[in-house]
Amino acid sequence: MRARVVVTLKSGVLDPQGKAIEGALASLGVEGVASVRQGKVFDIEIDAPDRETTERRLRAACEKLLANLIVENYAVEFV
């Protein structure tokens, strides 16, 4: 099965990398960018007997390694 895990910062958490990207875009002449928040995307292929097992395994992976649950949220999407 193929899935995508998207990890983003929780709202209210400062994002200095996003601010740096926002400033760089402005200096490159990209107009109209109000704000940038950076995140991570993981495309994962996983062997599992069904969707429920796959989602359970991916959530465990997020909670143990892929996301810092103190400052990040994650979402599992099936591709």
PDB file of N, CA and C in Angstrom:
ATOM      1  N   MET A   1       0.830  -1.175   0.000  1.00  0.00           N
ATOM      2  CA  MET A   1       0.000   0.000   0.000  1.00  0.00           C
ATOM      3  C   MET A   1       0.879   1.244   0.000  1.00  0.00           C
ATOM      4  N   ARG A   2       0.400   2.287  -0.644  1.00  0.00           N
ATOM      5  CA  ARG A   2       1.138   3.552  -0.676  1.00  0.00           C
ATOM      6  C   ARG A   2       0.393   4.596   0.134  1.00  0.00           C
ATOM      7  N   ALA A   3       1.149   5.349   0.899  1.00  0.00           N
ATOM      8  CA  ALA A   3       0.555   6.393   1.724  1.00  0.00           C
ATOM      9  C   ALA A   3       1.479   7.600   1.763  1.00  0.00           C
ATOM     10  N   ARG A   4       0.896   8.714   2.100  1.00  0.00           N
ATOM     11  CA  ARG A   4       1.654   9.957   2.292  1.00  0.00           C
ATOM     12  C   ARG A   4       1.368  10.449   3.703  1.00  0.00           C
ATOM     13  N   VAL A   5       2.441  10.764   4.403  1.00  0.00           N
ATOM     14  CA  VAL A   5       2.315  11.338   5.738  1.00  0.00           C
ATOM     15  C   VAL A   5       2.768  12.793   5.638  1.00  0.00           C
ATOM     16  N   VAL A   6       1.893  13.695   6.042  1.00  0.00           N
ATOM     17  CA  VAL A   6       2.196  15.126   6.017  1.00  0.00           C
ATOM     18  C   VAL A   6       2.327  15.593   7.465  1.00  0.00           C
ATOM     19  N   VAL A   7       3.488  16.168   7.783  1.00  0.00           N
ATOM     20  CA  VAL A   7       3.759  16.653   9.138  1.00  0.00           C
ATOM     21  C   VAL A   7       3.870  18.171   9.068  1.00  0.00           C
ATOM     22  N   THR A   8       3.094  18.851   9.900  1.00  0.00           N
ATOM     23  CA  THR A   8       3.110  20.312   9.931  1.00  0.00           C
ATOM     24  C   THR A   8       3.236  20.801  11.369  1.00  0.00           C
ATOM     25  N   LEU A   9       3.726  22.008  11.510  1.00  0.00           N
ATOM     26  CA  LEU A   9       3.809  22.614  12.839  1.00  0.00           C
ATOM     27  C   LEU A   9       2.413  22.961  13.331  1.00  0.00           C
ATOM     28  N   LYS A  10       2.188  22.792  14.607  1.00  0.00           N
ATOM     29  CA  LYS A  10       0.919  23.200  15.202  1.00  0.00           C
ATOM     30  C   LYS A  10       0.797  24.713  15.112  1.00  0.00           C
ATOM     31  N   SER A  11      -0.453  25.187  15.018  1.00  0.00           N
ATOM     32  CA  SER A  11      -0.646  26.641  14.975  1.00  0.00           C
ATOM     33  C   SER A  11      -0.163  27.221  16.305  1.00  0.00           C
ATOM     34  N   GLY A  12       0.426  28.381  16.230  1.00  0.00           N
ATOM     35  CA  GLY A  12       0.964  29.020  17.426  1.00  0.00           C
ATOM     36  C   GLY A  12       2.427  28.710  17.676  1.00  0.00           C
ATOM     37  N   VAL A  13       2.957  27.687  17.001  1.00  0.00           N
ATOM     38  CA  VAL A  13       4.376  27.358  17.134  1.00  0.00           C
ATOM     39  C   VAL A  13       5.153  28.230  16.149  1.00  0.00           C
ATOM     40  N   LEU A  14       6.168  28.918  16.643  1.00  0.00           N
ATOM     41  CA  LEU A  14       6.983  29.763  15.766  1.00  0.00           C
ATOM     42  C   LEU A  14       7.655  28.929  14.691  1.00  0.00           C
ATOM     43  N   ASP A  15       7.747  29.495  13.486  1.00  0.00           N
ATOM     44  CA  ASP A  15       8.325  28.790  12.341  1.00  0.00           C
ATOM     45  C   ASP A  15       9.400  29.663  11.699  1.00  0.00           C
ATOM     46  N   PRO A  16      10.615  29.684  12.267  1.00  0.00           N
ATOM     47  CA  PRO A  16      11.663  30.541  11.707  1.00  0.00           C
ATOM     48  C   PRO A  16      12.042  30.159  10.277  1.00  0.00           C
ATOM     49  N   GLN A  17      11.993  28.884   9.945  1.00  0.00           N
ATOM     50  CA  GLN A  17      12.319  28.473   8.571  1.00  0.00           C
ATOM     51  C   GLN A  17      11.256  28.999   7.604  1.00  0.00           C
ATOM     52  N   GLY A  18      10.002  28.929   7.996  1.00  0.00           N
ATOM     53  CA  GLY A  18       8.935  29.485   7.169  1.00  0.00           C
ATOM     54  C   GLY A  18       9.112  30.977   6.963  1.00  0.00           C
ATOM     55  N   LYS A  19       9.485  31.693   8.032  1.00  0.00           N
ATOM     56  CA  LYS A  19       9.727  33.140   7.920  1.00  0.00           C
ATOM     57  C   LYS A  19      10.892  33.433   6.979  1.00  0.00           C
ATOM     58  N   ALA A  20      11.946  32.612   7.052  1.00  0.00           N
ATOM     59  CA  ALA A  20      13.097  32.805   6.169  1.00  0.00           C
ATOM     60  C   ALA A  20      12.697  32.581   4.707  1.00  0.00           C
ATOM     61  N   ILE A  21      11.887  31.568   4.471  1.00  0.00           N
ATOM     62  CA  ILE A  21      11.412  31.299   3.105  1.00  0.00           C
ATOM     63  C   ILE A  21      10.544  32.453   2.623  1.00  0.00           C
ATOM     64  N   GLU A  22       9.683  32.936   3.496  1.00  0.00           N
ATOM     65  CA  GLU A  22       8.820  34.074   3.158  1.00  0.00           C
ATOM     66  C   GLU A  22       9.656  35.282   2.747  1.00  0.00           C
ATOM     67  N   GLY A  23      10.712  35.584   3.523  1.00  0.00           N
ATOM     68  CA  GLY A  23      11.593  36.702   3.195  1.00  0.00           C
ATOM     69  C   GLY A  23      12.346  36.485   1.890  1.00  0.00           C
ATOM     70  N   ALA A  24      12.795  35.243   1.668  1.00  0.00           N
ATOM     71  CA  ALA A  24      13.523  34.939   0.433  1.00  0.00           C
ATOM     72  C   ALA A  24      12.620  35.099  -0.785  1.00  0.00           C
ATOM     73  N   LEU A  25      11.376  34.656  -0.665  1.00  0.00           N
ATOM     74  CA  LEU A  25      10.441  34.811  -1.785  1.00  0.00           C
ATOM     75  C   LEU A  25      10.218  36.284  -2.105  1.00  0.00           C
ATOM     76  N   ALA A  26      10.077  37.107  -1.064  1.00  0.00           N
ATOM     77  CA  ALA A  26       9.898  38.543  -1.277  1.00  0.00           C
ATOM     78  C   ALA A  26      11.126  39.140  -1.961  1.00  0.00           C
ATOM     79  N   SER A  27      12.318  38.730  -1.526  1.00  0.00           N
ATOM     80  CA  SER A  27      13.534  39.285  -2.140  1.00  0.00           C
ATOM     81  C   SER A  27      13.726  38.805  -3.573  1.00  0.00           C
ATOM     82  N   LEU A  28      13.099  37.707  -3.930  1.00  0.00           N
ATOM     83  CA  LEU A  28      13.152  37.199  -5.308  1.00  0.00           C
ATOM     84  C   LEU A  28      12.060  37.802  -6.187  1.00  0.00           C
ATOM     85  N   GLY A  29      11.258  38.673  -5.596  1.00  0.00           N
ATOM     86  CA  GLY A  29      10.226  39.358  -6.374  1.00  0.00           C
ATOM     87  C   GLY A  29       8.915  38.600  -6.469  1.00  0.00           C
ATOM     88  N   VAL A  30       8.733  37.575  -5.675  1.00  0.00           N
ATOM     89  CA  VAL A  30       7.459  36.852  -5.676  1.00  0.00           C
ATOM     90  C   VAL A  30       6.486  37.658  -4.831  1.00  0.00           C
ATOM     91  N   GLU A  31       5.454  38.175  -5.474  1.00  0.00           N
ATOM     92  CA  GLU A  31       4.534  39.083  -4.794  1.00  0.00           C
ATOM     93  C   GLU A  31       3.320  38.342  -4.233  1.00  0.00           C
ATOM     94  N   GLY A  32       2.742  38.910  -3.205  1.00  0.00           N
ATOM     95  CA  GLY A  32       1.470  38.423  -2.690  1.00  0.00           C
ATOM     96  C   GLY A  32       1.553  37.295  -1.676  1.00  0.00           C
ATOM     97  N   VAL A  33       2.743  36.879  -1.302  1.00  0.00           N
ATOM     98  CA  VAL A  33       2.872  35.808  -0.312  1.00  0.00           C
ATOM     99  C   VAL A  33       2.642  36.405   1.071  1.00  0.00           C
ATOM    100  N   ALA A  34       1.563  35.980   1.724  1.00  0.00           N
ATOM    101  CA  ALA A  34       1.217  36.538   3.027  1.00  0.00           C
ATOM    102  C   ALA A  34       1.983  35.861   4.154  1.00  0.00           C
ATOM    103  N   SER A  35       2.149  34.550   4.063  1.00  0.00           N
ATOM    104  CA  SER A  35       2.925  33.832   5.076  1.00  0.00           C
ATOM    105  C   SER A  35       3.291  32.456   4.543  1.00  0.00           C
ATOM    106  N   VAL A  36       4.329  31.881   5.144  1.00  0.00           N
ATOM    107  CA  VAL A  36       4.791  30.538   4.768  1.00  0.00           C
ATOM    108  C   VAL A  36       4.974  29.734   6.044  1.00  0.00           C
ATOM    109  N   ARG A  37       4.477  28.506   6.049  1.00  0.00           N
ATOM    110  CA  ARG A  37       4.706  27.551   7.135  1.00  0.00           C
ATOM    111  C   ARG A  37       5.323  26.328   6.477  1.00  0.00           C
ATOM    112  N   GLN A  38       6.446  25.890   6.970  1.00  0.00           N
ATOM    113  CA  GLN A  38       7.114  24.735   6.384  1.00  0.00           C
ATOM    114  C   GLN A  38       6.672  23.456   7.067  1.00  0.00           C
ATOM    115  N   GLY A  39       6.855  22.341   6.379  1.00  0.00           N
ATOM    116  CA  GLY A  39       6.490  21.040   6.934  1.00  0.00           C
ATOM    117  C   GLY A  39       7.308  19.945   6.272  1.00  0.00           C
ATOM    118  N   LYS A  40       6.882  18.718   6.482  1.00  0.00           N
ATOM    119  CA  LYS A  40       7.576  17.565   5.910  1.00  0.00           C
ATOM    120  C   LYS A  40       6.543  16.646   5.256  1.00  0.00           C
ATOM    121  N   VAL A  41       6.957  15.998   4.171  1.00  0.00           N
ATOM    122  CA  VAL A  41       6.106  15.017   3.500  1.00  0.00           C
ATOM    123  C   VAL A  41       6.898  13.731   3.360  1.00  0.00           C
ATOM    124  N   PHE A  42       6.275  12.617   3.746  1.00  0.00           N
ATOM    125  CA  PHE A  42       6.882  11.291   3.615  1.00  0.00           C
ATOM    126  C   PHE A  42       5.983  10.451   2.719  1.00  0.00           C
ATOM    127  N   ASP A  43       6.510   9.983   1.587  1.00  0.00           N
ATOM    128  CA  ASP A  43       5.801   9.028   0.744  1.00  0.00           C
ATOM    129  C   ASP A  43       6.300   7.652   1.132  1.00  0.00           C
ATOM    130  N   ILE A  44       5.387   6.805   1.579  1.00  0.00           N
ATOM    131  CA  ILE A  44       5.768   5.519   2.160  1.00  0.00           C
ATOM    132  C   ILE A  44       5.026   4.387   1.467  1.00  0.00           C
ATOM    133  N   GLU A  45       5.767   3.337   1.120  1.00  0.00           N
ATOM    134  CA  GLU A  45       5.162   2.094   0.655  1.00  0.00           C
ATOM    135  C   GLU A  45       5.291   1.098   1.792  1.00  0.00           C
ATOM    136  N   ILE A  46       4.185   0.468   2.144  1.00  0.00           N
ATOM    137  CA  ILE A  46       4.172  -0.412   3.301  1.00  0.00           C
ATOM    138  C   ILE A  46       3.352  -1.659   2.985  1.00  0.00           C
ATOM    139  N   ASP A  47       3.864  -2.801   3.397  1.00  0.00           N
ATOM    140  CA  ASP A  47       3.139  -4.056   3.233  1.00  0.00           C
ATOM    141  C   ASP A  47       2.277  -4.293   4.457  1.00  0.00           C
ATOM    142  N   ALA A  48       0.989  -4.413   4.240  1.00  0.00           N
ATOM    143  CA  ALA A  48       0.050  -4.690   5.329  1.00  0.00           C
ATOM    144  C   ALA A  48      -1.174  -5.365   4.715  1.00  0.00           C
ATOM    145  N   PRO A  49      -1.864  -6.177   5.493  1.00  0.00           N
ATOM    146  CA  PRO A  49      -2.991  -6.926   4.944  1.00  0.00           C
ATOM    147  C   PRO A  49      -4.215  -6.076   4.596  1.00  0.00           C
ATOM    148  N   ASP A  50      -4.363  -4.927   5.256  1.00  0.00           N
ATOM    149  CA  ASP A  50      -5.536  -4.089   4.986  1.00  0.00           C
ATOM    150  C   ASP A  50      -5.243  -2.642   5.358  1.00  0.00           C
ATOM    151  N   ARG A  51      -6.177  -1.788   4.998  1.00  0.00           N
ATOM    152  CA  ARG A  51      -6.010  -0.348   5.219  1.00  0.00           C
ATOM    153  C   ARG A  51      -5.929  -0.007   6.707  1.00  0.00           C
ATOM    154  N   GLU A  52      -6.739  -0.648   7.524  1.00  0.00           N
ATOM    155  CA  GLU A  52      -6.748  -0.374   8.969  1.00  0.00           C
ATOM    156  C   GLU A  52      -5.386  -0.675   9.599  1.00  0.00           C
ATOM    157  N   THR A  53      -4.797  -1.809   9.233  1.00  0.00           N
ATOM    158  CA  THR A  53      -3.476  -2.177   9.755  1.00  0.00           C
ATOM    159  C   THR A  53      -2.418  -1.194   9.265  1.00  0.00           C
ATOM    160  N   THR A  54      -2.519  -0.823   7.990  1.00  0.00           N
ATOM    161  CA  THR A  54      -1.573   0.145   7.423  1.00  0.00           C
ATOM    162  C   THR A  54      -1.633   1.459   8.188  1.00  0.00           C
ATOM    163  N   GLU A  55      -2.846   1.955   8.405  1.00  0.00           N
ATOM    164  CA  GLU A  55      -2.996   3.231   9.113  1.00  0.00           C
ATOM    165  C   GLU A  55      -2.473   3.123  10.542  1.00  0.00           C
ATOM    166  N   ARG A  56      -2.737   2.025  11.208  1.00  0.00           N
ATOM    167  CA  ARG A  56      -2.246   1.829  12.578  1.00  0.00           C
ATOM    168  C   ARG A  56      -0.717   1.838  12.608  1.00  0.00           C
ATOM    169  N   ARG A  57      -0.091   1.161  11.664  1.00  0.00           N
ATOM    170  CA  ARG A  57       1.376   1.112  11.605  1.00  0.00           C
ATOM    171  C   ARG A  57       1.966   2.486  11.306  1.00  0.00           C
ATOM    172  N   LEU A  58       1.338   3.210  10.391  1.00  0.00           N
ATOM    173  CA  LEU A  58       1.849   4.537  10.041  1.00  0.00           C
ATOM    174  C   LEU A  58       1.671   5.521  11.192  1.00  0.00           C
ATOM    175  N   ARG A  59       0.562   5.439  11.902  1.00  0.00           N
ATOM    176  CA  ARG A  59       0.370   6.309  13.071  1.00  0.00           C
ATOM    177  C   ARG A  59       1.423   6.008  14.134  1.00  0.00           C
ATOM    178  N   ALA A  60       1.740   4.735  14.311  1.00  0.00           N
ATOM    179  CA  ALA A  60       2.797   4.371  15.266  1.00  0.00           C
ATOM    180  C   ALA A  60       4.138   4.960  14.820  1.00  0.00           C
ATOM    181  N   ALA A  61       4.421   4.891  13.513  1.00  0.00           N
ATOM    182  CA  ALA A  61       5.670   5.452  12.988  1.00  0.00           C
ATOM    183  C   ALA A  61       5.728   6.960  13.228  1.00  0.00           C
ATOM    184  N   CYS A  62       4.608   7.629  13.047  1.00  0.00           N
ATOM    185  CA  CYS A  62       4.560   9.076  13.275  1.00  0.00           C
ATOM    186  C   CYS A  62       4.801   9.401  14.739  1.00  0.00           C
ATOM    187  N   GLU A  63       4.135   8.664  15.603  1.00  0.00           N
ATOM    188  CA  GLU A  63       4.225   8.960  17.029  1.00  0.00           C
ATOM    189  C   GLU A  63       5.579   8.590  17.625  1.00  0.00           C
ATOM    190  N   LYS A  64       6.285   7.642  16.989  1.00  0.00           N
ATOM    191  CA  LYS A  64       7.597   7.231  17.499  1.00  0.00           C
ATOM    192  C   LYS A  64       8.757   7.978  16.855  1.00  0.00           C
ATOM    193  N   LEU A  65       8.592   8.421  15.585  1.00  0.00           N
ATOM    194  CA  LEU A  65       9.747   8.968  14.871  1.00  0.00           C
ATOM    195  C   LEU A  65       9.445  10.154  13.960  1.00  0.00           C
ATOM    196  N   LEU A  66       8.435  10.057  13.131  1.00  0.00           N
ATOM    197  CA  LEU A  66       8.268  11.030  12.049  1.00  0.00           C
ATOM    198  C   LEU A  66       7.808  12.404  12.510  1.00  0.00           C
ATOM    199  N   ALA A  67       7.070  12.469  13.613  1.00  0.00           N
ATOM    200  CA  ALA A  67       6.548  13.756  14.083  1.00  0.00           C
ATOM    201  C   ALA A  67       6.897  13.963  15.553  1.00  0.00           C
ATOM    202  N   ASN A  68       7.178  15.192  15.888  1.00  0.00           N
ATOM    203  CA  ASN A  68       7.357  15.579  17.290  1.00  0.00           C
ATOM    204  C   ASN A  68       5.996  16.068  17.770  1.00  0.00           C
ATOM    205  N   LEU A  69       5.269  15.221  18.466  1.00  0.00           N
ATOM    206  CA  LEU A  69       3.884  15.514  18.816  1.00  0.00           C
ATOM    207  C   LEU A  69       3.707  16.713  19.735  1.00  0.00           C
ATOM    208  N   ILE A  70       4.770  17.190  20.320  1.00  0.00           N
ATOM    209  CA  ILE A  70       4.678  18.386  21.161  1.00  0.00           C
ATOM    210  C   ILE A  70       4.428  19.620  20.301  1.00  0.00           C
ATOM    211  N   VAL A  71       5.087  19.692  19.138  1.00  0.00           N
ATOM    212  CA  VAL A  71       4.981  20.896  18.302  1.00  0.00           C
ATOM    213  C   VAL A  71       4.445  20.628  16.899  1.00  0.00           C
ATOM    214  N   GLU A  72       4.194  19.357  16.557  1.00  0.00           N
ATOM    215  CA  GLU A  72       3.770  19.029  15.192  1.00  0.00           C
ATOM    216  C   GLU A  72       2.491  18.191  15.183  1.00  0.00           C
ATOM    217  N   ASN A  73       1.731  18.365  14.112  1.00  0.00           N
ATOM    218  CA  ASN A  73       0.582  17.521  13.791  1.00  0.00           C
ATOM    219  C   ASN A  73       0.971  16.649  12.608  1.00  0.00           C
ATOM    220  N   TYR A  74       0.247  15.564  12.402  1.00  0.00           N
ATOM    221  CA  TYR A  74       0.467  14.749  11.219  1.00  0.00           C
ATOM    222  C   TYR A  74      -0.857  14.269  10.653  1.00  0.00           C
ATOM    223  N   ALA A  75      -0.834  13.954   9.372  1.00  0.00           N
ATOM    224  CA  ALA A  75      -2.013  13.396   8.702  1.00  0.00           C
ATOM    225  C   ALA A  75      -1.542  12.275   7.798  1.00  0.00           C
ATOM    226  N   VAL A  76      -2.281  11.177   7.786  1.00  0.00           N
ATOM    227  CA  VAL A  76      -1.989  10.040   6.925  1.00  0.00           C
ATOM    228  C   VAL A  76      -2.987  10.064   5.781  1.00  0.00           C
ATOM    229  N   GLU A  77      -2.479  10.054   4.550  1.00  0.00           N
ATOM    230  CA  GLU A  77      -3.320  10.032   3.354  1.00  0.00           C
ATOM    231  C   GLU A  77      -2.956   8.812   2.531  1.00  0.00           C
ATOM    232  N   PHE A  78      -3.948   8.139   1.994  1.00  0.00           N
ATOM    233  CA  PHE A  78      -3.663   6.988   1.128  1.00  0.00           C
ATOM    234  C   PHE A  78      -3.631   7.449  -0.308  1.00  0.00           C
ATOM    235  N   VAL A  79      -2.616   7.002  -1.026  1.00  0.00           N
ATOM    236  CA  VAL A  79      -2.395   7.446  -2.407  1.00  0.00           C
ATOM    237  C   VAL A  79      -2.818   6.349  -3.361  1.00  0.00           C
TER     238      VAL A  79
END
